[in-house]
Amino acid sequence: MAVPKKKTSKGKRNQRHATWKGKAAVAARKALSIGKAVLSGRAQGFVYPVADEDGDEA
C-alpha cells in the first residue's frame, strides 16, 4: 500500500482543490452553453440524437 513520505502542505492541498473546483466550473459553463445552443437550434460541431415525433412504429 502506498504511503506518502511527507505531509502535504496546506497551500499545496488548497491549490489542488482550487484546480479541481475550477475545472468543474468550466465544464458546467460549457455544458450550459451547449444546452442553450441545442435549444436555440444553433448547435454546430457535435452530433446529438433527434427524436422522431411521428410515434408510428411498425
N, C-alpha and C. Protein backbone atom coordinates (compact mmCIF):
# COMPACT_ATOMS: atom_id res chain seq x y z
N MET A 1 0.84 -1.18 0.00
CA MET A 1 0.00 0.00 0.00
C MET A 1 0.88 1.25 0.00
N ALA A 2 0.57 2.20 -0.86
CA ALA A 2 1.38 3.40 -0.98
C ALA A 2 1.13 4.36 0.17
N VAL A 3 2.21 4.86 0.72
CA VAL A 3 2.14 5.79 1.83
C VAL A 3 2.97 7.02 1.48
N PRO A 4 2.42 8.24 1.63
CA PRO A 4 3.21 9.43 1.33
C PRO A 4 4.40 9.57 2.30
N LYS A 5 5.53 10.04 1.79
CA LYS A 5 6.72 10.15 2.61
C LYS A 5 6.65 11.34 3.56
N LYS A 6 6.04 12.43 3.09
CA LYS A 6 5.95 13.63 3.93
C LYS A 6 4.54 14.20 3.85
N LYS A 7 4.19 14.97 4.84
CA LYS A 7 2.87 15.59 4.87
C LYS A 7 2.77 16.67 3.79
N THR A 8 1.65 16.69 3.09
CA THR A 8 1.42 17.71 2.08
C THR A 8 1.02 19.01 2.77
N SER A 9 1.61 20.11 2.34
CA SER A 9 1.32 21.40 2.96
C SER A 9 -0.11 21.84 2.66
N LYS A 10 -0.62 22.74 3.50
CA LYS A 10 -1.97 23.25 3.31
C LYS A 10 -2.08 24.03 2.00
N GLY A 11 -1.02 24.75 1.66
CA GLY A 11 -1.03 25.52 0.41
C GLY A 11 -1.17 24.63 -0.81
N LYS A 12 -0.40 23.55 -0.83
CA LYS A 12 -0.46 22.63 -1.98
C LYS A 12 -1.83 21.94 -2.03
N ARG A 13 -2.35 21.58 -0.86
CA ARG A 13 -3.67 20.95 -0.81
C ARG A 13 -4.74 21.91 -1.33
N ASN A 14 -4.67 23.17 -0.89
CA ASN A 14 -5.67 24.15 -1.32
C ASN A 14 -5.55 24.46 -2.81
N GLN A 15 -4.32 24.47 -3.31
CA GLN A 15 -4.11 24.71 -4.73
C GLN A 15 -4.72 23.59 -5.57
N ARG A 16 -4.52 22.35 -5.13
CA ARG A 16 -5.09 21.20 -5.84
C ARG A 16 -6.62 21.25 -5.81
N HIS A 17 -7.18 21.62 -4.67
CA HIS A 17 -8.63 21.72 -4.52
C HIS A 17 -9.19 22.82 -5.43
N ALA A 18 -8.49 23.97 -5.49
CA ALA A 18 -8.95 25.08 -6.33
C ALA A 18 -8.93 24.70 -7.80
N THR A 19 -7.91 23.95 -8.22
CA THR A 19 -7.83 23.50 -9.61
C THR A 19 -9.00 22.58 -9.93
N TRP A 20 -9.29 21.67 -9.02
CA TRP A 20 -10.38 20.72 -9.21
C TRP A 20 -11.72 21.45 -9.33
N LYS A 21 -11.94 22.44 -8.43
CA LYS A 21 -13.18 23.21 -8.47
C LYS A 21 -13.27 24.05 -9.74
N GLY A 22 -12.13 24.60 -10.18
CA GLY A 22 -12.11 25.41 -11.39
C GLY A 22 -12.49 24.61 -12.62
N LYS A 23 -11.99 23.37 -12.70
CA LYS A 23 -12.34 22.50 -13.83
C LYS A 23 -13.83 22.22 -13.85
N ALA A 24 -14.42 22.04 -12.67
CA ALA A 24 -15.87 21.77 -12.60
C ALA A 24 -16.66 22.98 -13.08
N ALA A 25 -16.22 24.18 -12.72
CA ALA A 25 -16.92 25.39 -13.13
C ALA A 25 -16.86 25.57 -14.65
N VAL A 26 -15.70 25.29 -15.25
CA VAL A 26 -15.56 25.41 -16.70
C VAL A 26 -16.44 24.38 -17.40
N ALA A 27 -16.48 23.15 -16.90
CA ALA A 27 -17.30 22.10 -17.50
C ALA A 27 -18.79 22.45 -17.41
N ALA A 28 -19.20 23.02 -16.28
CA ALA A 28 -20.61 23.40 -16.11
C ALA A 28 -20.99 24.51 -17.08
N ARG A 29 -20.10 25.49 -17.24
CA ARG A 29 -20.36 26.60 -18.15
C ARG A 29 -20.47 26.10 -19.59
N LYS A 30 -19.59 25.17 -19.97
CA LYS A 30 -19.60 24.62 -21.32
C LYS A 30 -20.86 23.81 -21.57
N ALA A 31 -21.28 23.01 -20.59
CA ALA A 31 -22.50 22.21 -20.73
C ALA A 31 -23.73 23.10 -20.89
N LEU A 32 -23.77 24.20 -20.14
CA LEU A 32 -24.90 25.12 -20.24
C LEU A 32 -24.92 25.79 -21.61
N SER A 33 -23.75 26.15 -22.10
CA SER A 33 -23.65 26.77 -23.42
C SER A 33 -24.12 25.82 -24.52
N ILE A 34 -23.69 24.57 -24.45
CA ILE A 34 -24.10 23.57 -25.45
C ILE A 34 -25.61 23.33 -25.38
N GLY A 35 -26.15 23.27 -24.15
CA GLY A 35 -27.59 23.09 -23.98
C GLY A 35 -28.38 24.22 -24.59
N LYS A 36 -27.92 25.45 -24.39
CA LYS A 36 -28.60 26.61 -24.97
C LYS A 36 -28.52 26.57 -26.49
N ALA A 37 -27.37 26.14 -27.02
CA ALA A 37 -27.21 26.06 -28.48
C ALA A 37 -28.17 25.04 -29.08
N VAL A 38 -28.31 23.90 -28.40
CA VAL A 38 -29.22 22.86 -28.90
C VAL A 38 -30.66 23.36 -28.88
N LEU A 39 -31.05 24.02 -27.82
CA LEU A 39 -32.43 24.50 -27.72
C LEU A 39 -32.74 25.61 -28.72
N SER A 40 -31.76 26.45 -29.02
CA SER A 40 -32.00 27.55 -29.95
C SER A 40 -31.82 27.14 -31.40
N GLY A 41 -31.24 25.94 -31.64
CA GLY A 41 -31.05 25.46 -32.99
C GLY A 41 -29.74 25.90 -33.62
N ARG A 42 -28.84 26.50 -32.85
CA ARG A 42 -27.55 26.96 -33.38
C ARG A 42 -26.45 25.92 -33.21
N ALA A 43 -26.78 24.71 -32.81
CA ALA A 43 -25.79 23.70 -32.48
C ALA A 43 -24.95 23.32 -33.69
N GLN A 44 -23.62 23.41 -33.54
CA GLN A 44 -22.69 23.02 -34.59
C GLN A 44 -21.50 22.35 -33.94
N GLY A 45 -20.88 21.43 -34.65
CA GLY A 45 -19.65 20.83 -34.16
C GLY A 45 -19.82 19.56 -33.35
N PHE A 46 -21.02 19.12 -33.12
CA PHE A 46 -21.24 17.86 -32.43
C PHE A 46 -22.56 17.27 -32.90
N VAL A 47 -22.72 15.98 -32.70
CA VAL A 47 -23.90 15.26 -33.14
C VAL A 47 -24.73 14.88 -31.93
N TYR A 48 -26.02 15.09 -32.01
CA TYR A 48 -26.92 14.70 -30.93
C TYR A 48 -28.17 14.07 -31.55
N PRO A 49 -28.79 13.12 -30.86
CA PRO A 49 -29.95 12.43 -31.43
C PRO A 49 -31.18 13.34 -31.49
N VAL A 50 -31.90 13.24 -32.57
CA VAL A 50 -33.14 13.99 -32.73
C VAL A 50 -34.28 12.99 -32.64
N ALA A 51 -35.21 13.21 -31.73
CA ALA A 51 -36.32 12.30 -31.51
C ALA A 51 -37.36 12.45 -32.63
N ASP A 52 -37.87 11.31 -33.10
CA ASP A 52 -38.94 11.33 -34.09
C ASP A 52 -40.26 11.62 -33.38
N GLU A 53 -41.03 12.56 -33.95
CA GLU A 53 -42.28 12.94 -33.31
C GLU A 53 -43.49 12.20 -33.90
N ASP A 54 -43.25 11.32 -34.89
CA ASP A 54 -44.35 10.60 -35.53
C ASP A 54 -45.02 9.63 -34.56
N GLY A 55 -44.22 8.83 -33.90
CA GLY A 55 -44.78 7.85 -32.98
C GLY A 55 -45.26 6.58 -33.66
N ASP A 56 -45.14 6.50 -35.02
CA ASP A 56 -45.55 5.31 -35.74
C ASP A 56 -44.38 4.33 -35.79
N GLU A 57 -44.57 3.21 -35.10
CA GLU A 57 -43.55 2.18 -35.11
C GLU A 57 -44.20 0.89 -35.59
N ALA A 58 -43.60 0.27 -36.61
CA ALA A 58 -44.20 -0.95 -37.16
C ALA A 58 -43.34 -2.08 -36.76
